[in-house]
N, C-alpha and C. Protein backbone atom coordinates (compact mmCIF):
# COMPACT_ATOMS: atom_id res chain seq x y z
N MET A 1 0.83 -1.19 0.00
CA MET A 1 0.00 0.00 0.00
C MET A 1 0.87 1.25 0.00
N ILE A 2 1.91 1.25 0.81
CA ILE A 2 2.82 2.39 0.87
C ILE A 2 3.55 2.54 -0.45
N LEU A 3 3.93 1.43 -1.05
CA LEU A 3 4.63 1.46 -2.34
C LEU A 3 3.74 2.06 -3.43
N LYS A 4 2.46 1.73 -3.39
CA LYS A 4 1.52 2.26 -4.37
C LYS A 4 1.38 3.77 -4.22
N LYS A 5 1.28 4.26 -2.98
CA LYS A 5 1.17 5.70 -2.73
C LYS A 5 2.46 6.41 -3.14
N LEU A 6 3.60 5.79 -2.82
CA LEU A 6 4.88 6.38 -3.18
C LEU A 6 5.04 6.47 -4.70
N LEU A 7 4.62 5.43 -5.38
CA LEU A 7 4.67 5.42 -6.84
C LEU A 7 3.75 6.50 -7.42
N THR A 8 2.58 6.66 -6.88
CA THR A 8 1.64 7.68 -7.33
C THR A 8 2.21 9.07 -7.12
N ILE A 9 2.83 9.31 -5.98
CA ILE A 9 3.44 10.61 -5.68
C ILE A 9 4.60 10.88 -6.64
N MET A 10 5.40 9.86 -6.90
CA MET A 10 6.53 10.04 -7.82
C MET A 10 6.05 10.37 -9.23
N ILE A 11 5.00 9.70 -9.67
CA ILE A 11 4.45 9.98 -11.01
C ILE A 11 3.92 11.41 -11.07
N LEU A 12 3.23 11.84 -10.02
CA LEU A 12 2.72 13.22 -9.99
C LEU A 12 3.85 14.24 -10.02
N ILE A 13 4.89 14.00 -9.25
CA ILE A 13 6.03 14.93 -9.22
C ILE A 13 6.71 14.98 -10.58
N LEU A 14 6.93 13.83 -11.19
CA LEU A 14 7.55 13.79 -12.52
C LEU A 14 6.68 14.48 -13.56
N SER A 15 5.37 14.31 -13.44
CA SER A 15 4.46 14.98 -14.37
C SER A 15 4.53 16.49 -14.23
N ILE A 16 4.57 16.97 -13.00
CA ILE A 16 4.65 18.41 -12.75
C ILE A 16 5.97 18.97 -13.29
N VAL A 17 7.06 18.27 -13.03
CA VAL A 17 8.37 18.72 -13.51
C VAL A 17 8.39 18.74 -15.04
N ALA A 18 7.88 17.70 -15.64
CA ALA A 18 7.86 17.62 -17.11
C ALA A 18 6.99 18.73 -17.69
N PHE A 19 5.86 18.99 -17.07
CA PHE A 19 4.94 20.03 -17.57
C PHE A 19 5.57 21.41 -17.47
N THR A 20 6.19 21.72 -16.37
CA THR A 20 6.80 23.05 -16.22
C THR A 20 8.03 23.20 -17.11
N ALA A 21 8.73 22.13 -17.37
CA ALA A 21 9.90 22.20 -18.25
C ALA A 21 9.48 22.44 -19.69
N CYS A 22 8.31 22.01 -20.07
CA CYS A 22 7.84 22.16 -21.44
C CYS A 22 7.27 23.54 -21.73
N GLU A 23 7.00 24.32 -20.71
CA GLU A 23 6.39 25.63 -20.93
C GLU A 23 7.34 26.61 -21.58
N SER A 24 8.59 26.63 -21.16
CA SER A 24 9.52 27.61 -21.72
C SER A 24 10.08 27.10 -23.04
N LYS A 25 10.12 27.99 -24.03
CA LYS A 25 10.61 27.62 -25.34
C LYS A 25 12.03 28.12 -25.50
N GLY A 26 12.88 27.25 -25.95
CA GLY A 26 14.26 27.61 -26.20
C GLY A 26 14.42 28.24 -27.57
N PRO A 27 15.61 28.73 -27.87
CA PRO A 27 15.84 29.38 -29.16
C PRO A 27 15.65 28.44 -30.35
N ALA A 28 15.98 27.19 -30.19
CA ALA A 28 15.81 26.24 -31.30
C ALA A 28 14.33 26.01 -31.59
N GLU A 29 13.54 25.91 -30.55
CA GLU A 29 12.10 25.71 -30.74
C GLU A 29 11.46 26.95 -31.36
N LYS A 30 11.88 28.12 -30.93
CA LYS A 30 11.36 29.37 -31.51
C LYS A 30 11.75 29.47 -32.98
N ALA A 31 12.97 29.12 -33.30
CA ALA A 31 13.43 29.15 -34.69
C ALA A 31 12.64 28.14 -35.52
N GLY A 32 12.42 26.98 -34.96
CA GLY A 32 11.65 25.95 -35.65
C GLY A 32 10.23 26.41 -35.95
N GLU A 33 9.62 27.11 -34.99
CA GLU A 33 8.27 27.63 -35.20
C GLU A 33 8.27 28.69 -36.31
N LYS A 34 9.29 29.53 -36.33
CA LYS A 34 9.38 30.55 -37.38
C LYS A 34 9.55 29.90 -38.75
N ILE A 35 10.35 28.84 -38.80
CA ILE A 35 10.53 28.11 -40.06
C ILE A 35 9.21 27.48 -40.49
N ASP A 36 8.50 26.88 -39.54
CA ASP A 36 7.20 26.28 -39.85
C ASP A 36 6.23 27.32 -40.40
N GLU A 37 6.21 28.51 -39.78
CA GLU A 37 5.33 29.58 -40.24
C GLU A 37 5.72 30.02 -41.65
N ALA A 38 7.00 30.15 -41.91
CA ALA A 38 7.46 30.57 -43.23
C ALA A 38 7.09 29.54 -44.29
N VAL A 39 7.26 28.28 -43.96
CA VAL A 39 6.91 27.21 -44.90
C VAL A 39 5.40 27.24 -45.16
N GLN A 40 4.61 27.44 -44.12
CA GLN A 40 3.16 27.48 -44.28
C GLN A 40 2.74 28.66 -45.15
N LYS A 41 3.34 29.84 -44.90
CA LYS A 41 3.02 31.02 -45.72
C LYS A 41 3.40 30.79 -47.17
N THR A 42 4.57 30.18 -47.40
CA THR A 42 5.02 29.91 -48.76
C THR A 42 4.09 28.92 -49.45
N THR A 43 3.68 27.90 -48.73
CA THR A 43 2.76 26.91 -49.28
C THR A 43 1.43 27.56 -49.64
N ASP A 44 0.91 28.40 -48.74
CA ASP A 44 -0.35 29.09 -49.00
C ASP A 44 -0.24 29.98 -50.23
N LYS A 45 0.87 30.72 -50.33
CA LYS A 45 1.07 31.62 -51.47
C LYS A 45 1.19 30.81 -52.76
N ALA A 46 1.89 29.69 -52.72
CA ALA A 46 2.03 28.84 -53.91
C ALA A 46 0.67 28.32 -54.36
N LYS A 47 -0.19 27.97 -53.41
CA LYS A 47 -1.54 27.52 -53.77
C LYS A 47 -2.32 28.64 -54.43
N GLU A 48 -2.19 29.86 -53.90
CA GLU A 48 -2.88 31.01 -54.48
C GLU A 48 -2.40 31.25 -55.91
N VAL A 49 -1.10 31.22 -56.11
CA VAL A 49 -0.54 31.46 -57.45
C VAL A 49 -0.97 30.36 -58.40
N THR A 50 -0.93 29.13 -57.95
CA THR A 50 -1.34 28.00 -58.79
C THR A 50 -2.79 28.15 -59.21
N GLU A 51 -3.63 28.55 -58.27
CA GLU A 51 -5.05 28.74 -58.56
C GLU A 51 -5.25 29.89 -59.55
N ALA A 52 -4.49 30.97 -59.39
CA ALA A 52 -4.58 32.11 -60.30
C ALA A 52 -4.14 31.71 -61.71
N VAL A 53 -3.06 30.94 -61.81
CA VAL A 53 -2.57 30.49 -63.11
C VAL A 53 -3.61 29.58 -63.76
N LYS A 54 -4.19 28.70 -62.98
CA LYS A 54 -5.22 27.79 -63.49
C LYS A 54 -6.41 28.59 -64.03
N ASP A 55 -6.86 29.57 -63.26
CA ASP A 55 -7.99 30.40 -63.70
C ASP A 55 -7.67 31.14 -64.99
N LYS A 56 -6.47 31.71 -65.05
CA LYS A 56 -6.06 32.45 -66.24
C LYS A 56 -5.96 31.52 -67.44
N ALA A 57 -5.44 30.33 -67.25
CA ALA A 57 -5.32 29.36 -68.34
C ALA A 57 -6.71 28.98 -68.86
N GLU A 58 -7.66 28.83 -67.96
CA GLU A 58 -9.03 28.52 -68.39
C GLU A 58 -9.62 29.68 -69.19
N GLU A 59 -9.36 30.92 -68.74
CA GLU A 59 -9.84 32.09 -69.47
C GLU A 59 -9.26 32.13 -70.88
N VAL A 60 -7.95 31.94 -70.97
CA VAL A 60 -7.28 31.96 -72.28
C VAL A 60 -7.83 30.83 -73.15
N GLY A 61 -8.03 29.68 -72.58
CA GLY A 61 -8.57 28.54 -73.32
C GLY A 61 -9.95 28.87 -73.88
N GLU A 62 -10.77 29.50 -73.08
CA GLU A 62 -12.11 29.88 -73.55
C GLU A 62 -12.04 30.93 -74.66
N GLU A 63 -11.11 31.89 -74.52
CA GLU A 63 -10.95 32.91 -75.55
C GLU A 63 -10.48 32.29 -76.87
N VAL A 64 -9.55 31.35 -76.77
CA VAL A 64 -9.05 30.67 -77.97
C VAL A 64 -10.19 29.88 -78.62
N LYS A 65 -10.96 29.21 -77.80
CA LYS A 65 -12.08 28.42 -78.32
C LYS A 65 -13.09 29.32 -79.02
N LYS A 66 -13.40 30.49 -78.43
CA LYS A 66 -14.35 31.43 -79.03
C LYS A 66 -13.80 31.99 -80.34
N SER A 67 -12.51 32.26 -80.39
CA SER A 67 -11.93 32.86 -81.59
C SER A 67 -11.80 31.88 -82.75
N THR A 68 -11.82 30.60 -82.46
CA THR A 68 -11.70 29.60 -83.52
C THR A 68 -13.05 29.08 -83.99
N GLU A 69 -14.14 29.53 -83.40
CA GLU A 69 -15.46 29.06 -83.80
C GLU A 69 -15.96 29.75 -85.02
């Protein structure tokens, strides 16, 4: 019974220590987050450009089709 209580207390203490250690972000983690944000922004912009090119290509295709009729 004492061993079970001791084990429970140890798990709680380790959990608290682990939780408080995870709160502060180091420079590598901050840099990693900035890289992630930059990659996400670049991906979003690439999707926008791809969509714009696709739309323009469809417009040109329709104009070519109309001019050849």
